[in-house]
Amino acid sequence: MSAPRSILFLVVLFLSATLSHAQTTASDSTTLSPESVRALQTTLSNLQESLDAQTQSASGTSSSARSGMDRTQVINVLFLVLALSLVFESAMSVLFDWRLFIRYFEGRGVKTPLIIAVAFLVFLNYDLDIVAELLRGFPEIQAQNIGGPTLPGQLLTALLIAGGSGGVFRIFARLGIRSPEERNRKARKERASMTEGPEESPSGADS
C-alpha cells in the first residue's frame, strides 16, 4: 500500500473511531449536535469512497503493467539499434572507401556479408543480444525466464544491425553525405587502370 493510501486509510479509521465516540457521547450528553454527527458521517462516506477508488485504480494499474510493456526498455533497445547502426556504418565506411576494396570488391555483394560477420563477432565478444533485451520489455514474455545472450539471438542482432546500417547508408545517400554514383565511378576507374597497366608494360619494355 502506498503512502497516500495508507494515510487516507488511517484518516478513515480515525474518523470512524471519532464518529463512534461522538455517537456514544451524543446519546449520553449534548456535546455534539445532530448536524455535526451527520457531517462526520458524510465525511467518512466520502473518504471511504475515495479509498475504494484509489484501491481499484492501483489494482488496474498493476494489472495493466503486468499485461503491457515496459516502454522505457523498448525505447532504449530501439535507440541502441539506431546508435549501433550509425556506428557500424561510420566504421565500415573506412574499409569500404579504401582504394583496394573499391577496386576489387565494389559492386560485388561483399559489403553485407562483411558487416554481418563483423557485427556478429563484436556481439559475440560483448555478449550482446538485442533480441533478448527487447523481449525483456514485455512482462508476459519475461515471465518465461528469458536467459542470457544466445547464438541465434546474436546472429539475428547482427542481421538487424546490418539492415540498419544499410538504411543509414541510404539516408546518407539522400542527404548527399554518401554518393553511390561516385563510388561506382571510382570502381570503374580503378578497374580500368588495373587492366590498362599490364598492356603498357610490354610497350615500355620494347622501347
N, C-alpha and C. Protein backbone atom coordinates (compact mmCIF):
# COMPACT_ATOMS: atom_id res chain seq x y z
N MET A 1 0.85 -1.19 0.00
CA MET A 1 0.00 0.00 0.00
C MET A 1 0.89 1.24 0.00
N SER A 2 0.61 2.20 -0.88
CA SER A 2 1.42 3.39 -0.99
C SER A 2 1.17 4.32 0.18
N ALA A 3 2.05 5.34 0.31
CA ALA A 3 1.95 6.25 1.45
C ALA A 3 0.66 7.04 1.46
N PRO A 4 0.21 7.66 0.32
CA PRO A 4 -1.05 8.41 0.37
C PRO A 4 -2.24 7.55 0.74
N ARG A 5 -2.27 6.32 0.23
CA ARG A 5 -3.40 5.43 0.56
C ARG A 5 -3.34 5.02 2.02
N SER A 6 -2.13 4.83 2.56
CA SER A 6 -2.01 4.48 3.98
C SER A 6 -2.50 5.61 4.87
N ILE A 7 -2.11 6.84 4.49
CA ILE A 7 -2.57 7.99 5.28
C ILE A 7 -4.08 8.12 5.21
N LEU A 8 -4.64 7.93 3.99
CA LEU A 8 -6.08 8.03 3.84
C LEU A 8 -6.79 6.96 4.65
N PHE A 9 -6.20 5.76 4.69
CA PHE A 9 -6.80 4.67 5.45
C PHE A 9 -6.78 4.99 6.95
N LEU A 10 -5.68 5.57 7.41
CA LEU A 10 -5.61 5.94 8.82
C LEU A 10 -6.62 7.04 9.16
N VAL A 11 -6.81 7.97 8.21
CA VAL A 11 -7.79 9.04 8.44
C VAL A 11 -9.19 8.45 8.55
N VAL A 12 -9.49 7.47 7.69
CA VAL A 12 -10.81 6.83 7.74
C VAL A 12 -11.00 6.12 9.08
N LEU A 13 -9.95 5.39 9.52
CA LEU A 13 -10.06 4.72 10.82
C LEU A 13 -10.25 5.73 11.96
N PHE A 14 -9.52 6.84 11.88
CA PHE A 14 -9.64 7.86 12.93
C PHE A 14 -11.04 8.45 12.97
N LEU A 15 -11.57 8.76 11.78
CA LEU A 15 -12.91 9.35 11.74
C LEU A 15 -13.96 8.34 12.18
N SER A 16 -13.72 7.05 11.85
CA SER A 16 -14.67 6.03 12.29
C SER A 16 -14.70 5.97 13.82
N ALA A 17 -13.51 5.97 14.41
CA ALA A 17 -13.45 5.94 15.88
C ALA A 17 -14.07 7.20 16.47
N THR A 18 -13.79 8.35 15.84
CA THR A 18 -14.35 9.61 16.32
C THR A 18 -15.86 9.61 16.24
N LEU A 19 -16.39 9.09 15.10
CA LEU A 19 -17.83 9.06 14.92
C LEU A 19 -18.49 8.14 15.95
N SER A 20 -17.85 6.99 16.19
CA SER A 20 -18.42 6.07 17.19
C SER A 20 -18.42 6.71 18.57
N HIS A 21 -17.33 7.38 18.88
CA HIS A 21 -17.27 8.05 20.17
C HIS A 21 -18.27 9.21 20.23
N ALA A 22 -18.41 9.89 19.11
CA ALA A 22 -19.35 11.02 19.07
C ALA A 22 -20.78 10.55 19.25
N GLN A 23 -21.10 9.42 18.59
CA GLN A 23 -22.46 8.90 18.73
C GLN A 23 -22.72 8.46 20.17
N THR A 24 -21.70 7.84 20.81
CA THR A 24 -21.87 7.43 22.20
C THR A 24 -22.02 8.64 23.11
N THR A 25 -21.21 9.65 22.84
CA THR A 25 -21.28 10.87 23.66
C THR A 25 -22.59 11.59 23.46
N ALA A 26 -23.06 11.59 22.17
CA ALA A 26 -24.32 12.27 21.88
C ALA A 26 -25.49 11.60 22.57
N SER A 27 -25.40 10.30 22.80
CA SER A 27 -26.50 9.61 23.47
C SER A 27 -26.51 9.89 24.96
N ASP A 28 -25.30 10.22 25.53
CA ASP A 28 -25.22 10.46 26.96
C ASP A 28 -25.32 11.94 27.32
N SER A 29 -24.85 12.81 26.42
CA SER A 29 -24.87 14.24 26.71
C SER A 29 -25.23 14.99 25.45
N THR A 30 -25.04 16.25 25.45
CA THR A 30 -25.38 17.10 24.30
C THR A 30 -24.15 17.82 23.79
N THR A 31 -22.99 17.16 23.82
CA THR A 31 -21.77 17.82 23.36
C THR A 31 -21.75 18.00 21.86
N LEU A 32 -22.34 17.08 21.07
CA LEU A 32 -22.38 17.18 19.61
C LEU A 32 -23.83 17.26 19.15
N SER A 33 -24.02 18.13 18.18
CA SER A 33 -25.36 18.28 17.62
C SER A 33 -25.59 17.23 16.54
N PRO A 34 -26.83 16.95 16.19
CA PRO A 34 -27.10 16.00 15.09
C PRO A 34 -26.47 16.43 13.78
N GLU A 35 -26.38 17.73 13.52
CA GLU A 35 -25.75 18.19 12.28
C GLU A 35 -24.27 17.81 12.24
N SER A 36 -23.60 17.91 13.38
CA SER A 36 -22.19 17.54 13.43
C SER A 36 -22.01 16.05 13.19
N VAL A 37 -22.90 15.26 13.74
CA VAL A 37 -22.82 13.81 13.53
C VAL A 37 -23.03 13.48 12.06
N ARG A 38 -24.03 14.13 11.44
CA ARG A 38 -24.29 13.88 10.01
C ARG A 38 -23.10 14.34 9.15
N ALA A 39 -22.49 15.47 9.52
CA ALA A 39 -21.32 15.94 8.78
C ALA A 39 -20.16 14.95 8.87
N LEU A 40 -19.97 14.39 10.07
CA LEU A 40 -18.92 13.39 10.22
C LEU A 40 -19.23 12.13 9.41
N GLN A 41 -20.50 11.75 9.39
CA GLN A 41 -20.88 10.58 8.59
C GLN A 41 -20.65 10.83 7.11
N THR A 42 -20.99 12.01 6.64
CA THR A 42 -20.78 12.34 5.22
C THR A 42 -19.29 12.34 4.87
N THR A 43 -18.49 12.94 5.74
CA THR A 43 -17.03 12.96 5.50
C THR A 43 -16.46 11.56 5.48
N LEU A 44 -16.92 10.72 6.42
CA LEU A 44 -16.46 9.33 6.46
C LEU A 44 -16.84 8.58 5.20
N SER A 45 -18.05 8.80 4.71
CA SER A 45 -18.51 8.13 3.49
C SER A 45 -17.68 8.57 2.29
N ASN A 46 -17.40 9.87 2.18
CA ASN A 46 -16.61 10.38 1.06
C ASN A 46 -15.18 9.83 1.08
N LEU A 47 -14.60 9.78 2.28
CA LEU A 47 -13.25 9.25 2.39
C LEU A 47 -13.21 7.76 2.05
N GLN A 48 -14.24 7.03 2.45
CA GLN A 48 -14.30 5.60 2.13
C GLN A 48 -14.40 5.38 0.63
N GLU A 49 -15.23 6.20 -0.03
CA GLU A 49 -15.35 6.09 -1.49
C GLU A 49 -14.03 6.44 -2.18
N SER A 50 -13.35 7.47 -1.68
CA SER A 50 -12.05 7.83 -2.26
C SER A 50 -11.03 6.72 -2.08
N LEU A 51 -11.04 6.08 -0.93
CA LEU A 51 -10.13 4.97 -0.68
C LEU A 51 -10.42 3.79 -1.60
N ASP A 52 -11.70 3.48 -1.79
CA ASP A 52 -12.07 2.40 -2.70
C ASP A 52 -11.65 2.71 -4.13
N ALA A 53 -11.83 3.98 -4.55
CA ALA A 53 -11.46 4.36 -5.91
C ALA A 53 -9.95 4.25 -6.12
N GLN A 54 -9.18 4.68 -5.14
CA GLN A 54 -7.73 4.56 -5.26
C GLN A 54 -7.28 3.12 -5.27
N THR A 55 -7.94 2.28 -4.50
CA THR A 55 -7.60 0.85 -4.49
C THR A 55 -7.87 0.22 -5.84
N GLN A 56 -9.03 0.53 -6.45
CA GLN A 56 -9.35 -0.01 -7.77
C GLN A 56 -8.39 0.51 -8.83
N SER A 57 -8.03 1.81 -8.73
CA SER A 57 -7.09 2.38 -9.70
C SER A 57 -5.73 1.74 -9.60
N ALA A 58 -5.28 1.49 -8.37
CA ALA A 58 -3.97 0.86 -8.19
C ALA A 58 -3.96 -0.57 -8.70
N SER A 59 -5.05 -1.31 -8.47
CA SER A 59 -5.11 -2.68 -8.96
C SER A 59 -5.17 -2.72 -10.47
N GLY A 60 -5.90 -1.76 -11.07
CA GLY A 60 -5.95 -1.70 -12.53
C GLY A 60 -4.62 -1.34 -13.13
N THR A 61 -3.87 -0.44 -12.47
CA THR A 61 -2.56 -0.06 -12.98
C THR A 61 -1.57 -1.21 -12.90
N SER A 62 -1.60 -1.95 -11.80
CA SER A 62 -0.68 -3.08 -11.66
C SER A 62 -1.00 -4.17 -12.67
N SER A 63 -2.30 -4.42 -12.92
CA SER A 63 -2.65 -5.45 -13.90
C SER A 63 -2.27 -5.03 -15.30
N SER A 64 -2.45 -3.72 -15.62
CA SER A 64 -2.06 -3.26 -16.95
C SER A 64 -0.56 -3.27 -17.12
N ALA A 65 0.18 -3.01 -16.01
CA ALA A 65 1.64 -3.07 -16.10
C ALA A 65 2.11 -4.49 -16.35
N ARG A 66 1.41 -5.45 -15.74
CA ARG A 66 1.78 -6.85 -15.98
C ARG A 66 1.45 -7.28 -17.40
N SER A 67 0.36 -6.75 -17.96
CA SER A 67 -0.06 -7.20 -19.28
C SER A 67 0.45 -6.30 -20.39
N GLY A 68 1.03 -5.13 -20.07
CA GLY A 68 1.50 -4.22 -21.09
C GLY A 68 2.96 -4.46 -21.41
N MET A 69 3.69 -3.34 -21.62
CA MET A 69 5.10 -3.45 -21.93
C MET A 69 5.85 -2.32 -21.24
N ASP A 70 7.12 -2.56 -21.05
CA ASP A 70 7.99 -1.57 -20.45
C ASP A 70 8.48 -0.64 -21.56
N ARG A 71 7.81 0.51 -21.69
CA ARG A 71 8.15 1.41 -22.79
C ARG A 71 9.58 1.90 -22.70
N THR A 72 10.06 2.14 -21.50
CA THR A 72 11.44 2.61 -21.34
C THR A 72 12.43 1.59 -21.87
N GLN A 73 12.21 0.32 -21.55
CA GLN A 73 13.10 -0.74 -22.03
C GLN A 73 13.07 -0.83 -23.55
N VAL A 74 11.87 -0.80 -24.14
CA VAL A 74 11.75 -0.92 -25.59
C VAL A 74 12.39 0.27 -26.29
N ILE A 75 12.15 1.48 -25.77
CA ILE A 75 12.74 2.68 -26.39
C ILE A 75 14.27 2.64 -26.29
N ASN A 76 14.78 2.20 -25.16
CA ASN A 76 16.24 2.10 -25.02
C ASN A 76 16.83 1.11 -26.01
N VAL A 77 16.14 -0.01 -26.23
CA VAL A 77 16.64 -1.01 -27.17
C VAL A 77 16.62 -0.46 -28.60
N LEU A 78 15.52 0.22 -28.97
CA LEU A 78 15.43 0.79 -30.32
C LEU A 78 16.49 1.88 -30.52
N PHE A 79 16.73 2.68 -29.49
CA PHE A 79 17.78 3.69 -29.59
C PHE A 79 19.15 3.03 -29.73
N LEU A 80 19.36 1.91 -29.04
CA LEU A 80 20.63 1.18 -29.16
C LEU A 80 20.82 0.64 -30.58
N VAL A 81 19.74 0.15 -31.18
CA VAL A 81 19.83 -0.33 -32.57
C VAL A 81 20.23 0.80 -33.50
N LEU A 82 19.60 1.96 -33.34
CA LEU A 82 19.93 3.11 -34.18
C LEU A 82 21.38 3.54 -33.97
N ALA A 83 21.81 3.60 -32.72
CA ALA A 83 23.19 4.03 -32.44
C ALA A 83 24.21 3.04 -33.01
N LEU A 84 23.96 1.74 -32.85
CA LEU A 84 24.89 0.75 -33.38
C LEU A 84 24.91 0.77 -34.91
N SER A 85 23.76 1.01 -35.53
CA SER A 85 23.72 1.10 -36.99
C SER A 85 24.57 2.27 -37.48
N LEU A 86 24.47 3.41 -36.80
CA LEU A 86 25.31 4.56 -37.16
C LEU A 86 26.79 4.27 -36.95
N VAL A 87 27.10 3.59 -35.83
CA VAL A 87 28.50 3.28 -35.54
C VAL A 87 29.07 2.34 -36.59
N PHE A 88 28.33 1.29 -36.94
CA PHE A 88 28.84 0.33 -37.91
C PHE A 88 28.95 0.94 -39.30
N GLU A 89 28.00 1.79 -39.68
CA GLU A 89 28.08 2.44 -40.98
C GLU A 89 29.30 3.36 -41.06
N SER A 90 29.54 4.12 -39.99
CA SER A 90 30.69 5.03 -39.99
C SER A 90 32.01 4.26 -39.93
N ALA A 91 32.05 3.19 -39.14
CA ALA A 91 33.30 2.43 -39.01
C ALA A 91 33.62 1.65 -40.29
N MET A 92 32.62 1.00 -40.87
CA MET A 92 32.87 0.19 -42.06
C MET A 92 33.11 1.04 -43.30
N SER A 93 32.67 2.30 -43.28
CA SER A 93 32.91 3.16 -44.44
C SER A 93 34.40 3.39 -44.66
N VAL A 94 35.21 3.31 -43.59
CA VAL A 94 36.66 3.44 -43.74
C VAL A 94 37.21 2.33 -44.62
N LEU A 95 36.69 1.11 -44.41
CA LEU A 95 37.11 -0.01 -45.25
C LEU A 95 36.51 0.07 -46.64
N PHE A 96 35.23 0.45 -46.70
CA PHE A 96 34.56 0.48 -48.00
C PHE A 96 35.09 1.59 -48.90
N ASP A 97 35.67 2.64 -48.34
CA ASP A 97 36.25 3.71 -49.15
C ASP A 97 37.71 3.47 -49.49
N TRP A 98 38.24 2.37 -49.01
CA TRP A 98 39.63 2.03 -49.30
C TRP A 98 39.78 1.74 -50.79
N ARG A 99 40.87 2.22 -51.33
CA ARG A 99 41.07 2.11 -52.78
C ARG A 99 41.10 0.66 -53.25
N LEU A 100 41.78 -0.21 -52.51
CA LEU A 100 41.84 -1.61 -52.91
C LEU A 100 40.47 -2.29 -52.81
N PHE A 101 39.70 -1.93 -51.79
CA PHE A 101 38.36 -2.50 -51.67
C PHE A 101 37.49 -2.06 -52.84
N ILE A 102 37.57 -0.77 -53.18
CA ILE A 102 36.79 -0.28 -54.32
C ILE A 102 37.21 -0.98 -55.61
N ARG A 103 38.49 -1.22 -55.76
CA ARG A 103 38.98 -1.83 -56.99
C ARG A 103 38.52 -3.28 -57.14
N TYR A 104 38.57 -4.05 -56.06
CA TYR A 104 38.32 -5.49 -56.18
C TYR A 104 36.93 -5.94 -55.73
N PHE A 105 36.29 -5.19 -54.85
CA PHE A 105 35.06 -5.70 -54.24
C PHE A 105 33.84 -4.80 -54.42
N GLU A 106 33.99 -3.58 -54.90
CA GLU A 106 32.85 -2.68 -55.03
C GLU A 106 31.84 -3.24 -56.04
N GLY A 107 30.57 -3.30 -55.63
CA GLY A 107 29.52 -3.78 -56.51
C GLY A 107 29.47 -5.27 -56.69
N ARG A 108 30.13 -6.04 -55.83
CA ARG A 108 30.18 -7.49 -55.98
C ARG A 108 29.55 -8.23 -54.80
N GLY A 109 28.72 -7.54 -54.03
CA GLY A 109 27.95 -8.18 -52.96
C GLY A 109 28.77 -8.62 -51.77
N VAL A 110 29.82 -7.88 -51.44
CA VAL A 110 30.68 -8.26 -50.34
C VAL A 110 30.34 -7.49 -49.06
N LYS A 111 29.77 -6.31 -49.21
CA LYS A 111 29.57 -5.43 -48.05
C LYS A 111 28.66 -6.05 -46.99
N THR A 112 27.50 -6.52 -47.41
CA THR A 112 26.53 -7.03 -46.43
C THR A 112 27.06 -8.22 -45.66
N PRO A 113 27.62 -9.28 -46.30
CA PRO A 113 28.18 -10.37 -45.51
C PRO A 113 29.31 -9.92 -44.59
N LEU A 114 30.09 -8.94 -45.03
CA LEU A 114 31.19 -8.47 -44.20
C LEU A 114 30.68 -7.75 -42.96
N ILE A 115 29.65 -6.92 -43.12
CA ILE A 115 29.06 -6.23 -41.96
C ILE A 115 28.45 -7.24 -41.00
N ILE A 116 27.75 -8.24 -41.53
CA ILE A 116 27.14 -9.26 -40.67
C ILE A 116 28.20 -10.01 -39.88
N ALA A 117 29.30 -10.38 -40.54
CA ALA A 117 30.37 -11.12 -39.86
C ALA A 117 31.03 -10.28 -38.77
N VAL A 118 31.33 -9.03 -39.09
CA VAL A 118 31.97 -8.16 -38.09
C VAL A 118 31.02 -7.91 -36.91
N ALA A 119 29.75 -7.62 -37.22
CA ALA A 119 28.78 -7.37 -36.14
C ALA A 119 28.60 -8.60 -35.27
N PHE A 120 28.55 -9.77 -35.86
CA PHE A 120 28.38 -11.00 -35.08
C PHE A 120 29.58 -11.23 -34.16
N LEU A 121 30.79 -10.98 -34.66
CA LEU A 121 31.98 -11.16 -33.82
C LEU A 121 31.99 -10.16 -32.66
N VAL A 122 31.56 -8.92 -32.94
CA VAL A 122 31.53 -7.91 -31.88
C VAL A 122 30.51 -8.28 -30.82
N PHE A 123 29.30 -8.67 -31.24
CA PHE A 123 28.25 -9.02 -30.28
C PHE A 123 28.60 -10.29 -29.52
N LEU A 124 29.28 -11.21 -30.19
CA LEU A 124 29.71 -12.43 -29.51
C LEU A 124 30.74 -12.11 -28.43
N ASN A 125 31.61 -11.16 -28.70
CA ASN A 125 32.65 -10.80 -27.73
C ASN A 125 32.07 -10.04 -26.54
N TYR A 126 31.05 -9.20 -26.78
CA TYR A 126 30.46 -8.40 -25.71
C TYR A 126 29.20 -9.02 -25.10
N ASP A 127 28.84 -10.22 -25.54
CA ASP A 127 27.64 -10.90 -25.03
C ASP A 127 26.40 -10.01 -25.17
N LEU A 128 26.25 -9.43 -26.33
CA LEU A 128 25.11 -8.52 -26.58
C LEU A 128 24.07 -9.24 -27.43
N ASP A 129 22.85 -9.27 -26.93
CA ASP A 129 21.73 -9.89 -27.64
C ASP A 129 20.56 -8.91 -27.57
N ILE A 130 20.41 -8.11 -28.62
CA ILE A 130 19.36 -7.09 -28.63
C ILE A 130 17.98 -7.72 -28.64
N VAL A 131 17.84 -8.88 -29.25
CA VAL A 131 16.54 -9.55 -29.30
C VAL A 131 16.08 -9.92 -27.88
N ALA A 132 16.99 -10.47 -27.08
CA ALA A 132 16.64 -10.80 -25.70
C ALA A 132 16.32 -9.55 -24.90
N GLU A 133 17.10 -8.49 -25.11
CA GLU A 133 16.84 -7.24 -24.40
C GLU A 133 15.47 -6.67 -24.77
N LEU A 134 15.09 -6.81 -26.04
CA LEU A 134 13.79 -6.31 -26.46
C LEU A 134 12.66 -7.14 -25.86
N LEU A 135 12.84 -8.45 -25.79
CA LEU A 135 11.81 -9.31 -25.22
C LEU A 135 11.63 -9.08 -23.72
N ARG A 136 12.68 -8.60 -23.06
CA ARG A 136 12.56 -8.31 -21.63
C ARG A 136 11.65 -7.12 -21.37
N GLY A 137 11.33 -6.36 -22.39
CA GLY A 137 10.41 -5.24 -22.22
C GLY A 137 8.96 -5.65 -22.16
N PHE A 138 8.67 -6.94 -22.34
CA PHE A 138 7.30 -7.44 -22.29
C PHE A 138 7.17 -8.39 -21.11
N PRO A 139 6.42 -8.00 -20.08
CA PRO A 139 6.36 -8.82 -18.85
C PRO A 139 5.88 -10.24 -19.08
N GLU A 140 4.92 -10.45 -20.02
CA GLU A 140 4.43 -11.82 -20.22
C GLU A 140 5.54 -12.72 -20.73
N ILE A 141 6.37 -12.19 -21.63
CA ILE A 141 7.48 -12.99 -22.16
C ILE A 141 8.57 -13.12 -21.11
N GLN A 142 8.78 -12.04 -20.33
CA GLN A 142 9.80 -12.08 -19.29
C GLN A 142 9.47 -13.12 -18.23
N ALA A 143 8.18 -13.38 -18.05
CA ALA A 143 7.77 -14.38 -17.06
C ALA A 143 8.22 -15.78 -17.46
N GLN A 144 8.60 -15.97 -18.71
CA GLN A 144 9.06 -17.28 -19.17
C GLN A 144 10.56 -17.48 -18.94
N ASN A 145 11.15 -16.62 -18.09
CA ASN A 145 12.55 -16.75 -17.69
C ASN A 145 13.49 -16.69 -18.89
N ILE A 146 13.57 -15.49 -19.49
CA ILE A 146 14.49 -15.29 -20.59
C ILE A 146 15.92 -15.35 -20.04
N GLY A 147 16.74 -16.17 -20.66
CA GLY A 147 18.10 -16.32 -20.18
C GLY A 147 19.02 -15.26 -20.75
N GLY A 148 20.32 -15.58 -20.76
CA GLY A 148 21.31 -14.65 -21.27
C GLY A 148 21.37 -14.68 -22.79
N PRO A 149 22.39 -14.03 -23.35
CA PRO A 149 22.53 -14.00 -24.81
C PRO A 149 22.68 -15.39 -25.40
N THR A 150 22.09 -15.59 -26.57
CA THR A 150 22.19 -16.86 -27.29
C THR A 150 22.76 -16.62 -28.68
N LEU A 151 23.33 -17.66 -29.28
CA LEU A 151 23.91 -17.52 -30.62
C LEU A 151 22.86 -17.14 -31.66
N PRO A 152 21.65 -17.76 -31.65
CA PRO A 152 20.64 -17.31 -32.63
C PRO A 152 20.25 -15.85 -32.41
N GLY A 153 20.13 -15.43 -31.14
CA GLY A 153 19.78 -14.04 -30.88
C GLY A 153 20.87 -13.09 -31.33
N GLN A 154 22.14 -13.46 -31.13
CA GLN A 154 23.24 -12.61 -31.56
C GLN A 154 23.36 -12.57 -33.08
N LEU A 155 23.07 -13.69 -33.74
CA LEU A 155 23.08 -13.69 -35.20
C LEU A 155 21.96 -12.82 -35.75
N LEU A 156 20.77 -12.92 -35.14
CA LEU A 156 19.67 -12.07 -35.55
C LEU A 156 19.97 -10.59 -35.27
N THR A 157 20.68 -10.33 -34.17
CA THR A 157 21.10 -8.96 -33.87
C THR A 157 22.07 -8.44 -34.93
N ALA A 158 22.99 -9.31 -35.37
CA ALA A 158 23.93 -8.90 -36.43
C ALA A 158 23.19 -8.60 -37.73
N LEU A 159 22.20 -9.42 -38.06
CA LEU A 159 21.40 -9.16 -39.26
C LEU A 159 20.62 -7.85 -39.12
N LEU A 160 20.11 -7.61 -37.91
CA LEU A 160 19.36 -6.37 -37.66
C LEU A 160 20.26 -5.15 -37.82
N ILE A 161 21.47 -5.21 -37.30
CA ILE A 161 22.38 -4.09 -37.40
C ILE A 161 22.84 -3.90 -38.85
N ALA A 162 23.04 -5.01 -39.57
CA ALA A 162 23.42 -4.89 -40.99
C ALA A 162 22.31 -4.21 -41.79
N GLY A 163 21.06 -4.59 -41.51
CA GLY A 163 19.95 -3.92 -42.18
C GLY A 163 19.85 -2.46 -41.79
N GLY A 164 20.08 -2.17 -40.50
CA GLY A 164 20.06 -0.77 -40.06
C GLY A 164 21.19 0.03 -40.68
N SER A 165 22.36 -0.58 -40.84
CA SER A 165 23.48 0.11 -41.48
C SER A 165 23.17 0.43 -42.94
N GLY A 166 22.51 -0.52 -43.62
CA GLY A 166 22.10 -0.25 -45.00
C GLY A 166 21.08 0.88 -45.07
N GLY A 167 20.16 0.91 -44.11
CA GLY A 167 19.19 2.01 -44.07
C GLY A 167 19.86 3.34 -43.81
N VAL A 168 20.85 3.36 -42.91
CA VAL A 168 21.59 4.60 -42.65
C VAL A 168 22.35 5.05 -43.89
N PHE A 169 22.93 4.09 -44.63
CA PHE A 169 23.64 4.44 -45.87
C PHE A 169 22.69 5.08 -46.88
N ARG A 170 21.48 4.53 -47.01
CA ARG A 170 20.53 5.12 -47.96
C ARG A 170 20.10 6.52 -47.53
N ILE A 171 19.95 6.71 -46.21
CA ILE A 171 19.62 8.06 -45.72
C ILE A 171 20.76 9.02 -46.01
N PHE A 172 22.00 8.57 -45.78
CA PHE A 172 23.15 9.41 -46.06
C PHE A 172 23.26 9.72 -47.55
N ALA A 173 22.90 8.74 -48.38
CA ALA A 173 22.96 8.97 -49.82
C ALA A 173 21.94 10.03 -50.25
N ARG A 174 20.74 9.99 -49.66
CA ARG A 174 19.74 11.01 -49.99
C ARG A 174 20.14 12.38 -49.49
N LEU A 175 20.87 12.42 -48.38
CA LEU A 175 21.32 13.70 -47.84
C LEU A 175 22.59 14.21 -48.52
N GLY A 176 23.18 13.39 -49.37
CA GLY A 176 24.40 13.80 -50.06
C GLY A 176 25.67 13.52 -49.30
N ILE A 177 25.56 12.86 -48.16
CA ILE A 177 26.76 12.53 -47.38
C ILE A 177 27.51 11.36 -48.02
N ARG A 178 26.78 10.41 -48.57
CA ARG A 178 27.35 9.30 -49.32
C ARG A 178 26.89 9.40 -50.77
N SER A 179 27.76 8.97 -51.70
CA SER A 179 27.42 9.05 -53.11
C SER A 179 27.71 7.71 -53.77
N PRO A 180 26.68 6.88 -53.97
CA PRO A 180 26.91 5.59 -54.66
C PRO A 180 27.44 5.78 -56.08
N GLU A 181 26.99 6.81 -56.77
CA GLU A 181 27.47 7.05 -58.13
C GLU A 181 28.97 7.34 -58.14
N GLU A 182 29.42 8.12 -57.17
CA GLU A 182 30.84 8.42 -57.08
C GLU A 182 31.66 7.16 -56.79
N ARG A 183 31.12 6.29 -55.95
CA ARG A 183 31.81 5.04 -55.65
C ARG A 183 31.89 4.16 -56.90
N ASN A 184 30.79 4.08 -57.65
CA ASN A 184 30.81 3.28 -58.87
C ASN A 184 31.78 3.86 -59.89
N ARG A 185 31.83 5.18 -59.98
CA ARG A 185 32.76 5.82 -60.90
C ARG A 185 34.21 5.53 -60.51
N LYS A 186 34.49 5.57 -59.20
CA LYS A 186 35.83 5.25 -58.74
C LYS A 186 36.18 3.79 -59.01
N ALA A 187 35.18 2.91 -58.83
CA ALA A 187 35.43 1.48 -59.08
C ALA A 187 35.74 1.23 -60.55
N ARG A 188 34.99 1.87 -61.45
CA ARG A 188 35.27 1.69 -62.89
C ARG A 188 36.65 2.25 -63.25
N LYS A 189 36.98 3.37 -62.62
CA LYS A 189 38.29 3.97 -62.92
C LYS A 189 39.43 3.09 -62.42
N GLU A 190 39.29 2.55 -61.23
CA GLU A 190 40.33 1.70 -60.68
C GLU A 190 40.48 0.42 -61.49
N ARG A 191 39.36 -0.17 -61.89
CA ARG A 191 39.44 -1.41 -62.67
C ARG A 191 39.98 -1.15 -64.07
N ALA A 192 39.65 0.03 -64.61
CA ALA A 192 40.20 0.36 -65.92
C ALA A 192 41.71 0.56 -65.83
N SER A 193 42.16 1.23 -64.79
CA SER A 193 43.61 1.42 -64.63
C SER A 193 44.32 0.10 -64.37
N MET A 194 43.62 -0.84 -63.72
CA MET A 194 44.22 -2.14 -63.45
C MET A 194 44.38 -2.94 -64.73
N THR A 195 43.40 -2.83 -65.66
CA THR A 195 43.50 -3.56 -66.92
C THR A 195 44.44 -2.89 -67.90
N GLU A 196 44.60 -1.57 -67.82
CA GLU A 196 45.50 -0.87 -68.73
C GLU A 196 46.95 -1.01 -68.33
N GLY A 197 47.22 -1.27 -67.06
CA GLY A 197 48.61 -1.34 -66.58
C GLY A 197 49.42 -2.41 -67.25
N PRO A 198 48.95 -3.68 -67.32
CA PRO A 198 49.74 -4.73 -67.95
C PRO A 198 49.96 -4.49 -69.44
N GLU A 199 49.03 -3.77 -70.11
CA GLU A 199 49.20 -3.55 -71.55
C GLU A 199 50.29 -2.53 -71.84
N GLU A 200 50.51 -1.59 -70.91
CA GLU A 200 51.52 -0.56 -71.15
C GLU A 200 52.92 -1.05 -70.86
N SER A 201 53.06 -2.06 -69.96
CA SER A 201 54.38 -2.53 -69.58
C SER A 201 55.14 -3.19 -70.72
N PRO A 202 54.54 -4.02 -71.62
CA PRO A 202 55.32 -4.60 -72.73
C PRO A 202 55.82 -3.54 -73.66
N SER A 203 55.01 -2.51 -73.99
CA SER A 203 55.45 -1.46 -74.88
C SER A 203 56.64 -0.71 -74.30
N GLY A 204 56.59 -0.51 -72.98
CA GLY A 204 57.71 0.16 -72.33
C GLY A 204 58.95 -0.71 -72.38
N ALA A 205 58.79 -2.01 -72.29
CA ALA A 205 59.95 -2.91 -72.34
C ALA A 205 60.54 -2.94 -73.73
N ASP A 206 59.71 -2.86 -74.80
CA ASP A 206 60.24 -2.88 -76.17
C ASP A 206 60.98 -1.60 -76.49
N SER A 207 60.45 -0.48 -75.92
CA SER A 207 61.14 0.77 -76.22
C SER A 207 62.47 0.84 -75.47
